[in-house]
Amino acid sequence: MADILVDRAETEMPISLYVNYGGPLTGATIAVAIRDGDTDDSYLDFNDDTFKTLGWTMRQAALTESIIQDGLYTLSPGLDLTGITNLPAATFYMFAEYEISAPAGAVSVMSDTIYLIDDLKKN
């Protein structure tokens, strides 16, 4: 879907998704899971900010529907990359995997690629 460049030291990395289905989609339930890009099964546990392959307390976090724009959903206050306890220095990308459950019951999945850059603000 999209490529996102982010500084590895970001403390409130924005995670947002605009959903348009013949117009802005409101009333949907949207969750995001963050996967270590070097793996097929290591997901961030939002409960303790640790990547795990199993035993998650909270593998997905809910996105909140914006009051500013219909169809816009955000993770509040954002993702604190510095708070992830085991983000390997060798990990250069992650995936934000979205699960969308629309009011009509349809479910779809999409993802963004998050590229981690050291000292992005200096470049």
PDB file of N, CA and C in Angstrom:
ATOM      1  N   MET A   1       0.810  -1.184   0.000  1.00  0.00           N
ATOM      2  CA  MET A   1       0.000   0.000   0.000  1.00  0.00           C
ATOM      3  C   MET A   1       0.859   1.256   0.000  1.00  0.00           C
ATOM      4  N   ALA A   2       1.679   1.421   1.057  1.00  0.00           N
ATOM      5  CA  ALA A   2       2.519   2.616   1.129  1.00  0.00           C
ATOM      6  C   ALA A   2       3.858   2.259   1.752  1.00  0.00           C
ATOM      7  N   ASP A   3       4.876   3.042   1.410  1.00  0.00           N
ATOM      8  CA  ASP A   3       6.185   2.930   2.041  1.00  0.00           C
ATOM      9  C   ASP A   3       6.348   4.127   2.959  1.00  0.00           C
ATOM     10  N   ILE A   4       6.761   3.880   4.196  1.00  0.00           N
ATOM     11  CA  ILE A   4       6.923   4.923   5.194  1.00  0.00           C
ATOM     12  C   ILE A   4       8.370   4.922   5.654  1.00  0.00           C
ATOM     13  N   LEU A   5       9.041   6.077   5.595  1.00  0.00           N
ATOM     14  CA  LEU A   5      10.392   6.227   6.130  1.00  0.00           C
ATOM     15  C   LEU A   5      10.273   6.852   7.504  1.00  0.00           C
ATOM     16  N   VAL A   6      10.923   6.258   8.495  1.00  0.00           N
ATOM     17  CA  VAL A   6      10.814   6.783   9.846  1.00  0.00           C
ATOM     18  C   VAL A   6      12.154   6.668  10.560  1.00  0.00           C
ATOM     19  N   ASP A   7      12.444   7.662  11.376  1.00  0.00           N
ATOM     20  CA  ASP A   7      13.651   7.641  12.192  1.00  0.00           C
ATOM     21  C   ASP A   7      13.490   6.596  13.283  1.00  0.00           C
ATOM     22  N   ARG A   8      14.491   5.765  13.443  1.00  0.00           N
ATOM     23  CA  ARG A   8      14.455   4.690  14.445  1.00  0.00           C
ATOM     24  C   ARG A   8      14.228   5.246  15.857  1.00  0.00           C
ATOM     25  N   ALA A   9      14.554   6.515  16.096  1.00  0.00           N
ATOM     26  CA  ALA A   9      14.409   7.129  17.415  1.00  0.00           C
ATOM     27  C   ALA A   9      13.048   7.807  17.606  1.00  0.00           C
ATOM     28  N   GLU A  10      12.096   7.557  16.718  1.00  0.00           N
ATOM     29  CA  GLU A  10      10.770   8.191  16.796  1.00  0.00           C
ATOM     30  C   GLU A  10      10.010   7.700  18.023  1.00  0.00           C
ATOM     31  N   THR A  11       9.417   8.634  18.768  1.00  0.00           N
ATOM     32  CA  THR A  11       8.665   8.270  19.969  1.00  0.00           C
ATOM     33  C   THR A  11       7.152   8.312  19.761  1.00  0.00           C
ATOM     34  N   GLU A  12       6.688   8.949  18.716  1.00  0.00           N
ATOM     35  CA  GLU A  12       5.259   8.980  18.405  1.00  0.00           C
ATOM     36  C   GLU A  12       5.058   8.851  16.898  1.00  0.00           C
ATOM     37  N   MET A  13       5.526   7.738  16.345  1.00  0.00           N
ATOM     38  CA  MET A  13       5.389   7.514  14.916  1.00  0.00           C
ATOM     39  C   MET A  13       3.914   7.398  14.562  1.00  0.00           C
ATOM     40  N   PRO A  14       3.429   8.243  13.661  1.00  0.00           N
ATOM     41  CA  PRO A  14       2.017   8.171  13.308  1.00  0.00           C
ATOM     42  C   PRO A  14       1.685   6.897  12.531  1.00  0.00           C
ATOM     43  N   ILE A  15       0.618   6.258  12.933  1.00  0.00           N
ATOM     44  CA  ILE A  15       0.059   5.129  12.196  1.00  0.00           C
ATOM     45  C   ILE A  15      -1.371   5.545  11.866  1.00  0.00           C
ATOM     46  N   SER A  16      -1.668   5.686  10.598  1.00  0.00           N
ATOM     47  CA  SER A  16      -3.025   6.084  10.212  1.00  0.00           C
ATOM     48  C   SER A  16      -3.396   5.402   8.905  1.00  0.00           C
ATOM     49  N   LEU A  17      -4.694   5.305   8.690  1.00  0.00           N
ATOM     50  CA  LEU A  17      -5.213   4.662   7.496  1.00  0.00           C
ATOM     51  C   LEU A  17      -6.471   5.390   7.073  1.00  0.00           C
ATOM     52  N   TYR A  18      -6.510   5.801   5.803  1.00  0.00           N
ATOM     53  CA  TYR A  18      -7.706   6.416   5.242  1.00  0.00           C
ATOM     54  C   TYR A  18      -8.432   5.352   4.435  1.00  0.00           C
ATOM     55  N   VAL A  19      -9.709   5.157   4.729  1.00  0.00           N
ATOM     56  CA  VAL A  19     -10.488   4.113   4.069  1.00  0.00           C
ATOM     57  C   VAL A  19     -11.590   4.759   3.238  1.00  0.00           C
ATOM     58  N   ASN A  20     -11.552   4.485   1.941  1.00  0.00           N
ATOM     59  CA  ASN A  20     -12.531   5.028   1.011  1.00  0.00           C
ATOM     60  C   ASN A  20     -13.139   3.880   0.222  1.00  0.00           C
ATOM     61  N   TYR A  21     -14.435   3.746   0.319  1.00  0.00           N
ATOM     62  CA  TYR A  21     -15.145   2.702  -0.419  1.00  0.00           C
ATOM     63  C   TYR A  21     -16.362   3.355  -1.061  1.00  0.00           C
ATOM     64  N   GLY A  22     -16.141   4.021  -2.188  1.00  0.00           N
ATOM     65  CA  GLY A  22     -17.208   4.793  -2.814  1.00  0.00           C
ATOM     66  C   GLY A  22     -17.505   6.060  -2.024  1.00  0.00           C
ATOM     67  N   GLY A  23     -16.591   6.438  -1.181  1.00  0.00           N
ATOM     68  CA  GLY A  23     -16.708   7.570  -0.265  1.00  0.00           C
ATOM     69  C   GLY A  23     -16.036   7.174   1.033  1.00  0.00           C
ATOM     70  N   PRO A  24     -15.787   8.122   1.910  1.00  0.00           N
ATOM     71  CA  PRO A  24     -15.124   7.805   3.174  1.00  0.00           C
ATOM     72  C   PRO A  24     -15.921   6.771   3.977  1.00  0.00           C
ATOM     73  N   LEU A  25     -15.237   5.741   4.446  1.00  0.00           N
ATOM     74  CA  LEU A  25     -15.894   4.690   5.199  1.00  0.00           C
ATOM     75  C   LEU A  25     -15.852   5.040   6.686  1.00  0.00           C
ATOM     76  N   THR A  26     -17.017   5.193   7.281  1.00  0.00           N
ATOM     77  CA  THR A  26     -17.101   5.465   8.709  1.00  0.00           C
ATOM     78  C   THR A  26     -17.707   4.259   9.408  1.00  0.00           C
ATOM     79  N   GLY A  27     -17.496   4.167  10.697  1.00  0.00           N
ATOM     80  CA  GLY A  27     -18.079   3.092  11.487  1.00  0.00           C
ATOM     81  C   GLY A  27     -17.373   1.758  11.364  1.00  0.00           C
ATOM     82  N   ALA A  28     -16.205   1.731  10.761  1.00  0.00           N
ATOM     83  CA  ALA A  28     -15.455   0.481  10.626  1.00  0.00           C
ATOM     84  C   ALA A  28     -14.662   0.207  11.902  1.00  0.00           C
ATOM     85  N   THR A  29     -14.296  -1.036  12.082  1.00  0.00           N
ATOM     86  CA  THR A  29     -13.390  -1.426  13.157  1.00  0.00           C
ATOM     87  C   THR A  29     -12.069  -1.779  12.495  1.00  0.00           C
ATOM     88  N   ILE A  30     -11.014  -1.066  12.880  1.00  0.00           N
ATOM     89  CA  ILE A  30      -9.718  -1.262  12.246  1.00  0.00           C
ATOM     90  C   ILE A  30      -8.677  -1.534  13.326  1.00  0.00           C
ATOM     91  N   ALA A  31      -7.903  -2.586  13.114  1.00  0.00           N
ATOM     92  CA  ALA A  31      -6.823  -2.939  14.032  1.00  0.00           C
ATOM     93  C   ALA A  31      -5.528  -3.033  13.240  1.00  0.00           C
ATOM     94  N   VAL A  32      -4.427  -2.764  13.908  1.00  0.00           N
ATOM     95  CA  VAL A  32      -3.118  -2.853  13.276  1.00  0.00           C
ATOM     96  C   VAL A  32      -2.230  -3.785  14.090  1.00  0.00           C
ATOM     97  N   ALA A  33      -1.453  -4.589  13.379  1.00  0.00           N
ATOM     98  CA  ALA A  33      -0.415  -5.420  13.973  1.00  0.00           C
ATOM     99  C   ALA A  33       0.906  -4.988  13.344  1.00  0.00           C
ATOM    100  N   ILE A  34       1.966  -4.954  14.125  1.00  0.00           N
ATOM    101  CA  ILE A  34       3.289  -4.564  13.633  1.00  0.00           C
ATOM    102  C   ILE A  34       4.167  -5.813  13.609  1.00  0.00           C
ATOM    103  N   ARG A  35       4.645  -6.167  12.412  1.00  0.00           N
ATOM    104  CA  ARG A  35       5.471  -7.367  12.250  1.00  0.00           C
ATOM    105  C   ARG A  35       6.905  -6.982  11.921  1.00  0.00           C
ATOM    106  N   ASP A  36       7.856  -7.641  12.577  1.00  0.00           N
ATOM    107  CA  ASP A  36       9.272  -7.481  12.264  1.00  0.00           C
ATOM    108  C   ASP A  36       9.464  -7.949  10.821  1.00  0.00           C
ATOM    109  N   GLY A  37      10.008  -7.106   9.976  1.00  0.00           N
ATOM    110  CA  GLY A  37      10.133  -7.406   8.556  1.00  0.00           C
ATOM    111  C   GLY A  37      11.028  -8.573   8.209  1.00  0.00           C
ATOM    112  N   ASP A  38      11.879  -8.972   9.132  1.00  0.00           N
ATOM    113  CA  ASP A  38      12.780 -10.092   8.872  1.00  0.00           C
ATOM    114  C   ASP A  38      12.151 -11.443   9.203  1.00  0.00           C
ATOM    115  N   THR A  39      10.884 -11.439   9.614  1.00  0.00           N
ATOM    116  CA  THR A  39      10.240 -12.681  10.036  1.00  0.00           C
ATOM    117  C   THR A  39       8.857 -12.818   9.413  1.00  0.00           C
ATOM    118  N   ASP A  40       8.303 -14.015   9.524  1.00  0.00           N
ATOM    119  CA  ASP A  40       6.925 -14.243   9.108  1.00  0.00           C
ATOM    120  C   ASP A  40       5.970 -14.227  10.287  1.00  0.00           C
ATOM    121  N   ASP A  41       6.510 -14.316  11.513  1.00  0.00           N
ATOM    122  CA  ASP A  41       5.616 -14.528  12.645  1.00  0.00           C
ATOM    123  C   ASP A  41       5.980 -13.774  13.922  1.00  0.00           C
ATOM    124  N   SER A  42       6.909 -12.838  13.881  1.00  0.00           N
ATOM    125  CA  SER A  42       7.276 -12.080  15.079  1.00  0.00           C
ATOM    126  C   SER A  42       6.537 -10.744  15.069  1.00  0.00           C
ATOM    127  N   TYR A  43       5.527 -10.654  15.937  1.00  0.00           N
ATOM    128  CA  TYR A  43       4.680  -9.465  16.008  1.00  0.00           C
ATOM    129  C   TYR A  43       4.908  -8.725  17.315  1.00  0.00           C
ATOM    130  N   LEU A  44       4.714  -7.416  17.271  1.00  0.00           N
ATOM    131  CA  LEU A  44       4.828  -6.593  18.463  1.00  0.00           C
ATOM    132  C   LEU A  44       3.648  -6.874  19.384  1.00  0.00           C
ATOM    133  N   ASP A  45       3.939  -7.116  20.655  1.00  0.00           N
ATOM    134  CA  ASP A  45       2.902  -7.193  21.677  1.00  0.00           C
ATOM    135  C   ASP A  45       2.762  -5.777  22.227  1.00  0.00           C
ATOM    136  N   PHE A  46       1.643  -5.119  21.929  1.00  0.00           N
ATOM    137  CA  PHE A  46       1.432  -3.740  22.357  1.00  0.00           C
ATOM    138  C   PHE A  46       1.339  -3.635  23.879  1.00  0.00           C
ATOM    139  N   ASN A  47       1.123  -4.740  24.565  1.00  0.00           N
ATOM    140  CA  ASN A  47       1.014  -4.731  26.020  1.00  0.00           C
ATOM    141  C   ASN A  47       2.368  -4.485  26.687  1.00  0.00           C
ATOM    142  N   ASP A  48       3.423  -5.125  26.190  1.00  0.00           N
ATOM    143  CA  ASP A  48       4.740  -4.956  26.819  1.00  0.00           C
ATOM    144  C   ASP A  48       5.823  -4.479  25.843  1.00  0.00           C
ATOM    145  N   ASP A  49       5.409  -4.041  24.647  1.00  0.00           N
ATOM    146  CA  ASP A  49       6.341  -3.485  23.646  1.00  0.00           C
ATOM    147  C   ASP A  49       7.492  -4.428  23.331  1.00  0.00           C
ATOM    148  N   THR A  50       7.153  -5.697  23.107  1.00  0.00           N
ATOM    149  CA  THR A  50       8.141  -6.723  22.802  1.00  0.00           C
ATOM    150  C   THR A  50       7.694  -7.518  21.582  1.00  0.00           C
ATOM    151  N   PHE A  51       8.621  -7.761  20.647  1.00  0.00           N
ATOM    152  CA  PHE A  51       8.317  -8.642  19.522  1.00  0.00           C
ATOM    153  C   PHE A  51       8.318 -10.089  20.017  1.00  0.00           C
ATOM    154  N   LYS A  52       7.289 -10.850  19.613  1.00  0.00           N
ATOM    155  CA  LYS A  52       7.141 -12.243  20.039  1.00  0.00           C
ATOM    156  C   LYS A  52       6.614 -13.067  18.876  1.00  0.00           C
ATOM    157  N   THR A  53       6.881 -14.376  18.936  1.00  0.00           N
ATOM    158  CA  THR A  53       6.324 -15.289  17.932  1.00  0.00           C
ATOM    159  C   THR A  53       5.069 -15.983  18.443  1.00  0.00           C
ATOM    160  N   LEU A  54       4.800 -15.869  19.735  1.00  0.00           N
ATOM    161  CA  LEU A  54       3.565 -16.400  20.321  1.00  0.00           C
ATOM    162  C   LEU A  54       3.399 -15.834  21.724  1.00  0.00           C
ATOM    163  N   GLY A  55       2.228 -16.046  22.297  1.00  0.00           N
ATOM    164  CA  GLY A  55       1.973 -15.596  23.665  1.00  0.00           C
ATOM    165  C   GLY A  55       1.691 -14.113  23.810  1.00  0.00           C
ATOM    166  N   TRP A  56       1.156 -13.492  22.757  1.00  0.00           N
ATOM    167  CA  TRP A  56       0.854 -12.056  22.832  1.00  0.00           C
ATOM    168  C   TRP A  56      -0.330 -11.819  23.768  1.00  0.00           C
ATOM    169  N   THR A  57      -0.267 -10.732  24.493  1.00  0.00           N
ATOM    170  CA  THR A  57      -1.418 -10.254  25.252  1.00  0.00           C
ATOM    171  C   THR A  57      -2.260  -9.355  24.350  1.00  0.00           C
ATOM    172  N   MET A  58      -1.585  -8.560  23.527  1.00  0.00           N
ATOM    173  CA  MET A  58      -2.270  -7.614  22.635  1.00  0.00           C
ATOM    174  C   MET A  58      -1.489  -7.505  21.328  1.00  0.00           C
ATOM    175  N   ARG A  59      -1.746  -8.446  20.399  1.00  0.00           N
ATOM    176  CA  ARG A  59      -1.020  -8.467  19.125  1.00  0.00           C
ATOM    177  C   ARG A  59      -1.524  -7.390  18.170  1.00  0.00           C
ATOM    178  N   GLN A  60      -2.749  -6.949  18.343  1.00  0.00           N
ATOM    179  CA  GLN A  60      -3.305  -5.878  17.512  1.00  0.00           C
ATOM    180  C   GLN A  60      -3.736  -4.718  18.403  1.00  0.00           C
ATOM    181  N   ALA A  61      -3.619  -3.514  17.871  1.00  0.00           N
ATOM    182  CA  ALA A  61      -4.099  -2.313  18.551  1.00  0.00           C
ATOM    183  C   ALA A  61      -5.189  -1.689  17.692  1.00  0.00           C
ATOM    184  N   ALA A  62      -6.196  -1.183  18.338  1.00  0.00           N
ATOM    185  CA  ALA A  62      -7.318  -0.564  17.621  1.00  0.00           C
ATOM    186  C   ALA A  62      -6.945   0.838  17.149  1.00  0.00           C
ATOM    187  N   LEU A  63      -7.356   1.165  15.931  1.00  0.00           N
ATOM    188  CA  LEU A  63      -7.230   2.520  15.429  1.00  0.00           C
ATOM    189  C   LEU A  63      -8.535   3.239  15.738  1.00  0.00           C
ATOM    190  N   THR A  64      -8.442   4.512  16.050  1.00  0.00           N
ATOM    191  CA  THR A  64      -9.591   5.320  16.425  1.00  0.00           C
ATOM    192  C   THR A  64     -10.050   6.156  15.238  1.00  0.00           C
ATOM    193  N   GLU A  65     -11.357   6.200  15.041  1.00  0.00           N
ATOM    194  CA  GLU A  65     -11.914   6.996  13.945  1.00  0.00           C
ATOM    195  C   GLU A  65     -11.741   8.479  14.251  1.00  0.00           C
ATOM    196  N   SER A  66     -11.251   9.210  13.285  1.00  0.00           N
ATOM    197  CA  SER A  66     -10.974  10.636  13.444  1.00  0.00           C
ATOM    198  C   SER A  66     -12.264  11.456  13.506  1.00  0.00           C
ATOM    199  N   ILE A  67     -12.254  12.462  14.362  1.00  0.00           N
ATOM    200  CA  ILE A  67     -13.380  13.402  14.377  1.00  0.00           C
ATOM    201  C   ILE A  67     -13.127  14.546  13.397  1.00  0.00           C
ATOM    202  N   ILE A  68     -11.918  14.583  12.844  1.00  0.00           N
ATOM    203  CA  ILE A  68     -11.535  15.656  11.922  1.00  0.00           C
ATOM    204  C   ILE A  68     -11.902  15.323  10.482  1.00  0.00           C
ATOM    205  N   GLN A  69     -11.754  14.048  10.085  1.00  0.00           N
ATOM    206  CA  GLN A  69     -12.007  13.659   8.699  1.00  0.00           C
ATOM    207  C   GLN A  69     -12.654  12.281   8.652  1.00  0.00           C
ATOM    208  N   ASP A  70     -13.797  12.182   7.981  1.00  0.00           N
ATOM    209  CA  ASP A  70     -14.457  10.891   7.802  1.00  0.00           C
ATOM    210  C   ASP A  70     -13.535   9.942   7.045  1.00  0.00           C
ATOM    211  N   GLY A  71     -13.499   8.689   7.486  1.00  0.00           N
ATOM    212  CA  GLY A  71     -12.697   7.676   6.811  1.00  0.00           C
ATOM    213  C   GLY A  71     -11.257   7.595   7.271  1.00  0.00           C
ATOM    214  N   LEU A  72     -10.833   8.470   8.178  1.00  0.00           N
ATOM    215  CA  LEU A  72      -9.461   8.467   8.675  1.00  0.00           C
ATOM    216  C   LEU A  72      -9.431   7.819  10.059  1.00  0.00           C
ATOM    217  N   TYR A  73      -8.554   6.837  10.214  1.00  0.00           N
ATOM    218  CA  TYR A  73      -8.405   6.104  11.469  1.00  0.00           C
ATOM    219  C   TYR A  73      -6.943   6.205  11.897  1.00  0.00           C
ATOM    220  N   THR A  74      -6.691   6.429  13.190  1.00  0.00           N
ATOM    221  CA  THR A  74      -5.323   6.632  13.668  1.00  0.00           C
ATOM    222  C   THR A  74      -5.050   5.833  14.947  1.00  0.00           C
ATOM    223  N   LEU A  75      -3.777   5.537  15.150  1.00  0.00           N
ATOM    224  CA  LEU A  75      -3.310   4.942  16.390  1.00  0.00           C
ATOM    225  C   LEU A  75      -2.875   6.091  17.284  1.00  0.00           C
ATOM    226  N   SER A  76      -3.473   6.194  18.434  1.00  0.00           N
ATOM    227  CA  SER A  76      -3.162   7.312  19.320  1.00  0.00           C
ATOM    228  C   SER A  76      -2.445   6.788  20.554  1.00  0.00           C
ATOM    229  N   PRO A  77      -1.325   7.376  20.933  1.00  0.00           N
ATOM    230  CA  PRO A  77      -0.706   8.601  20.433  1.00  0.00           C
ATOM    231  C   PRO A  77       0.304   8.355  19.313  1.00  0.00           C
ATOM    232  N   GLY A  78       0.404   7.160  18.807  1.00  0.00           N
ATOM    233  CA  GLY A  78       1.401   6.800  17.809  1.00  0.00           C
ATOM    234  C   GLY A  78       2.258   5.674  18.359  1.00  0.00           C
ATOM    235  N   LEU A  79       3.188   5.208  17.577  1.00  0.00           N
ATOM    236  CA  LEU A  79       4.037   4.084  17.959  1.00  0.00           C
ATOM    237  C   LEU A  79       5.377   4.604  18.461  1.00  0.00           C
ATOM    238  N   ASP A  80       5.740   4.225  19.691  1.00  0.00           N
ATOM    239  CA  ASP A  80       7.015   4.623  20.277  1.00  0.00           C
ATOM    240  C   ASP A  80       8.061   3.573  19.928  1.00  0.00           C
ATOM    241  N   LEU A  81       8.863   3.833  18.909  1.00  0.00           N
ATOM    242  CA  LEU A  81       9.881   2.876  18.492  1.00  0.00           C
ATOM    243  C   LEU A  81      10.967   2.705  19.549  1.00  0.00           C
ATOM    244  N   THR A  82      11.235   3.753  20.322  1.00  0.00           N
ATOM    245  CA  THR A  82      12.264   3.659  21.353  1.00  0.00           C
ATOM    246  C   THR A  82      11.812   2.800  22.529  1.00  0.00           C
ATOM    247  N   GLY A  83      10.518   2.571  22.655  1.00  0.00           N
ATOM    248  CA  GLY A  83       9.983   1.763  23.745  1.00  0.00           C
ATOM    249  C   GLY A  83       9.963   0.276  23.450  1.00  0.00           C
ATOM    250  N   ILE A  84      10.225  -0.107  22.193  1.00  0.00           N
ATOM    251  CA  ILE A  84      10.234  -1.529  21.843  1.00  0.00           C
ATOM    252  C   ILE A  84      11.503  -2.144  22.426  1.00  0.00           C
ATOM    253  N   THR A  85      11.318  -3.097  23.323  1.00  0.00           N
ATOM    254  CA  THR A  85      12.446  -3.604  24.105  1.00  0.00           C
ATOM    255  C   THR A  85      13.419  -4.455  23.301  1.00  0.00           C
ATOM    256  N   ASN A  86      12.966  -5.085  22.225  1.00  0.00           N
ATOM    257  CA  ASN A  86      13.863  -5.990  21.487  1.00  0.00           C
ATOM    258  C   ASN A  86      13.816  -5.745  19.983  1.00  0.00           C
ATOM    259  N   LEU A  87      13.836  -4.487  19.588  1.00  0.00           N
ATOM    260  CA  LEU A  87      13.898  -4.144  18.166  1.00  0.00           C
ATOM    261  C   LEU A  87      15.359  -4.276  17.730  1.00  0.00           C
ATOM    262  N   PRO A  88      15.680  -5.333  16.973  1.00  0.00           N
ATOM    263  CA  PRO A  88      17.083  -5.556  16.609  1.00  0.00           C
ATOM    264  C   PRO A  88      17.644  -4.423  15.741  1.00  0.00           C
ATOM    265  N   ALA A  89      18.897  -4.086  15.976  1.00  0.00           N
ATOM    266  CA  ALA A  89      19.558  -3.057  15.160  1.00  0.00           C
ATOM    267  C   ALA A  89      19.622  -3.489  13.702  1.00  0.00           C
ATOM    268  N   ALA A  90      19.585  -4.794  13.463  1.00  0.00           N
ATOM    269  CA  ALA A  90      19.637  -5.325  12.104  1.00  0.00           C
ATOM    270  C   ALA A  90      18.274  -5.288  11.408  1.00  0.00           C
ATOM    271  N   THR A  91      17.229  -4.910  12.122  1.00  0.00           N
ATOM    272  CA  THR A  91      15.900  -4.802  11.504  1.00  0.00           C
ATOM    273  C   THR A  91      15.795  -3.443  10.834  1.00  0.00           C
ATOM    274  N   PHE A  92      15.636  -3.444   9.522  1.00  0.00           N
ATOM    275  CA  PHE A  92      15.570  -2.198   8.770  1.00  0.00           C
ATOM    276  C   PHE A  92      14.171  -1.889   8.257  1.00  0.00           C
ATOM    277  N   TYR A  93      13.249  -2.848   8.419  1.00  0.00           N
ATOM    278  CA  TYR A  93      11.878  -2.578   8.022  1.00  0.00           C
ATOM    279  C   TYR A  93      10.919  -3.437   8.826  1.00  0.00           C
ATOM    280  N   MET A  94       9.700  -2.918   8.948  1.00  0.00           N
ATOM    281  CA  MET A  94       8.608  -3.604   9.628  1.00  0.00           C
ATOM    282  C   MET A  94       7.374  -3.456   8.751  1.00  0.00           C
ATOM    283  N   PHE A  95       6.370  -4.229   9.040  1.00  0.00           N
ATOM    284  CA  PHE A  95       5.100  -4.103   8.333  1.00  0.00           C
ATOM    285  C   PHE A  95       4.004  -3.705   9.314  1.00  0.00           C
ATOM    286  N   ALA A  96       3.201  -2.738   8.921  1.00  0.00           N
ATOM    287  CA  ALA A  96       1.973  -2.418   9.649  1.00  0.00           C
ATOM    288  C   ALA A  96       0.864  -3.147   8.901  1.00  0.00           C
ATOM    289  N   GLU A  97       0.297  -4.170   9.516  1.00  0.00           N
ATOM    290  CA  GLU A  97      -0.734  -4.992   8.882  1.00  0.00           C
ATOM    291  C   GLU A  97      -2.098  -4.613   9.462  1.00  0.00           C
ATOM    292  N   TYR A  98      -2.963  -4.097   8.596  1.00  0.00           N
ATOM    293  CA  TYR A  98      -4.275  -3.608   9.009  1.00  0.00           C
ATOM    294  C   TYR A  98      -5.341  -4.652   8.734  1.00  0.00           C
ATOM    295  N   GLU A  99      -6.257  -4.782   9.669  1.00  0.00           N
ATOM    296  CA  GLU A  99      -7.438  -5.617   9.468  1.00  0.00           C
ATOM    297  C   GLU A  99      -8.650  -4.704   9.601  1.00  0.00           C
ATOM    298  N   ILE A 100      -9.451  -4.650   8.541  1.00  0.00           N
ATOM    299  CA  ILE A 100     -10.600  -3.751   8.486  1.00  0.00           C
ATOM    300  C   ILE A 100     -11.875  -4.572   8.495  1.00  0.00           C
ATOM    301  N   SER A 101     -12.725  -4.316   9.485  1.00  0.00           N
ATOM    302  CA  SER A 101     -14.039  -4.949   9.544  1.00  0.00           C
ATOM    303  C   SER A 101     -15.068  -3.851   9.324  1.00  0.00           C
ATOM    304  N   ALA A 102     -15.701  -3.880   8.166  1.00  0.00           N
ATOM    305  CA  ALA A 102     -16.670  -2.855   7.811  1.00  0.00           C
ATOM    306  C   ALA A 102     -18.022  -3.164   8.445  1.00  0.00           C
ATOM    307  N   PRO A 103     -18.874  -2.147   8.561  1.00  0.00           N
ATOM    308  CA  PRO A 103     -20.189  -2.353   9.174  1.00  0.00           C
ATOM    309  C   PRO A 103     -21.006  -3.460   8.509  1.00  0.00           C
ATOM    310  N   ALA A 104     -20.813  -3.680   7.215  1.00  0.00           N
ATOM    311  CA  ALA A 104     -21.575  -4.707   6.510  1.00  0.00           C
ATOM    312  C   ALA A 104     -21.025  -6.110   6.770  1.00  0.00           C
ATOM    313  N   GLY A 105     -19.942  -6.208   7.545  1.00  0.00           N
ATOM    314  CA  GLY A 105     -19.384  -7.511   7.885  1.00  0.00           C
ATOM    315  C   GLY A 105     -18.213  -7.936   7.021  1.00  0.00           C
ATOM    316  N   ALA A 106     -17.890  -7.174   5.998  1.00  0.00           N
ATOM    317  CA  ALA A 106     -16.760  -7.523   5.140  1.00  0.00           C
ATOM    318  C   ALA A 106     -15.459  -7.266   5.891  1.00  0.00           C
ATOM    319  N   VAL A 107     -14.493  -8.148   5.695  1.00  0.00           N
ATOM    320  CA  VAL A 107     -13.180  -7.984   6.324  1.00  0.00           C
ATOM    321  C   VAL A 107     -12.132  -7.961   5.226  1.00  0.00           C
ATOM    322  N   SER A 108     -11.226  -7.010   5.297  1.00  0.00           N
ATOM    323  CA  SER A 108     -10.120  -6.984   4.345  1.00  0.00           C
ATOM    324  C   SER A 108      -8.836  -6.701   5.109  1.00  0.00           C
ATOM    325  N   VAL A 109      -7.720  -7.055   4.491  1.00  0.00           N
ATOM    326  CA  VAL A 109      -6.409  -6.893   5.117  1.00  0.00           C
ATOM    327  C   VAL A 109      -5.499  -6.167   4.131  1.00  0.00           C
ATOM    328  N   MET A 110      -4.712  -5.246   4.636  1.00  0.00           N
ATOM    329  CA  MET A 110      -3.734  -4.537   3.817  1.00  0.00           C
ATOM    330  C   MET A 110      -2.549  -4.189   4.705  1.00  0.00           C
ATOM    331  N   SER A 111      -1.443  -3.751   4.088  1.00  0.00           N
ATOM    332  CA  SER A 111      -0.270  -3.436   4.900  1.00  0.00           C
ATOM    333  C   SER A 111       0.529  -2.280   4.317  1.00  0.00           C
ATOM    334  N   ASP A 112       1.302  -1.644   5.196  1.00  0.00           N
ATOM    335  CA  ASP A 112       2.276  -0.626   4.825  1.00  0.00           C
ATOM    336  C   ASP A 112       3.647  -1.160   5.217  1.00  0.00           C
ATOM    337  N   THR A 113       4.676  -0.752   4.497  1.00  0.00           N
ATOM    338  CA  THR A 113       6.041  -1.093   4.847  1.00  0.00           C
ATOM    339  C   THR A 113       6.667   0.103   5.548  1.00  0.00           C
ATOM    340  N   ILE A 114       7.228  -0.137   6.731  1.00  0.00           N
ATOM    341  CA  ILE A 114       7.868   0.905   7.523  1.00  0.00           C
ATOM    342  C   ILE A 114       9.379   0.676   7.465  1.00  0.00           C
ATOM    343  N   TYR A 115      10.093   1.620   6.860  1.00  0.00           N
ATOM    344  CA  TYR A 115      11.551   1.518   6.762  1.00  0.00           C
ATOM    345  C   TYR A 115      12.182   2.316   7.898  1.00  0.00           C
ATOM    346  N   LEU A 116      13.035   1.671   8.677  1.00  0.00           N
ATOM    347  CA  LEU A 116      13.685   2.285   9.816  1.00  0.00           C
ATOM    348  C   LEU A 116      15.028   2.865   9.384  1.00  0.00           C
ATOM    349  N   ILE A 117      15.194   4.157   9.594  1.00  0.00           N
ATOM    350  CA  ILE A 117      16.409   4.855   9.182  1.00  0.00           C
ATOM    351  C   ILE A 117      17.068   5.437  10.421  1.00  0.00           C
ATOM    352  N   ASP A 118      18.364   5.200  10.591  1.00  0.00           N
ATOM    353  CA  ASP A 118      19.105   5.827  11.682  1.00  0.00           C
ATOM    354  C   ASP A 118      19.363   7.279  11.324  1.00  0.00           C
ATOM    355  N   ASP A 119      19.090   8.164  12.248  1.00  0.00           N
ATOM    356  CA  ASP A 119      19.350   9.593  12.086  1.00  0.00           C
ATOM    357  C   ASP A 119      18.722  10.164  10.822  1.00  0.00           C
ATOM    358  N   LEU A 120      17.470   9.839  10.578  1.00  0.00           N
ATOM    359  CA  LEU A 120      16.762  10.343   9.398  1.00  0.00           C
ATOM    360  C   LEU A 120      16.734  11.860   9.363  1.00  0.00           C
ATOM    361  N   LYS A 121      16.621  12.482  10.522  1.00  0.00           N
ATOM    362  CA  LYS A 121      16.526  13.936  10.586  1.00  0.00           C
ATOM    363  C   LYS A 121      17.819  14.620  10.172  1.00  0.00           C
ATOM    364  N   LYS A 122      18.937  13.894  10.258  1.00  0.00           N
ATOM    365  CA  LYS A 122      20.237  14.470   9.853  1.00  0.00           C
ATOM    366  C   LYS A 122      20.452  14.370   8.355  1.00  0.00           C
ATOM    367  N   ASN A 123      19.746  13.445   7.693  1.00  0.00           N
ATOM    368  CA  ASN A 123      19.982  13.202   6.260  1.00  0.00           C
ATOM    369  C   ASN A 123      19.253  14.169   5.398  1.00  0.00           C
TER     370      ASN A 123
END
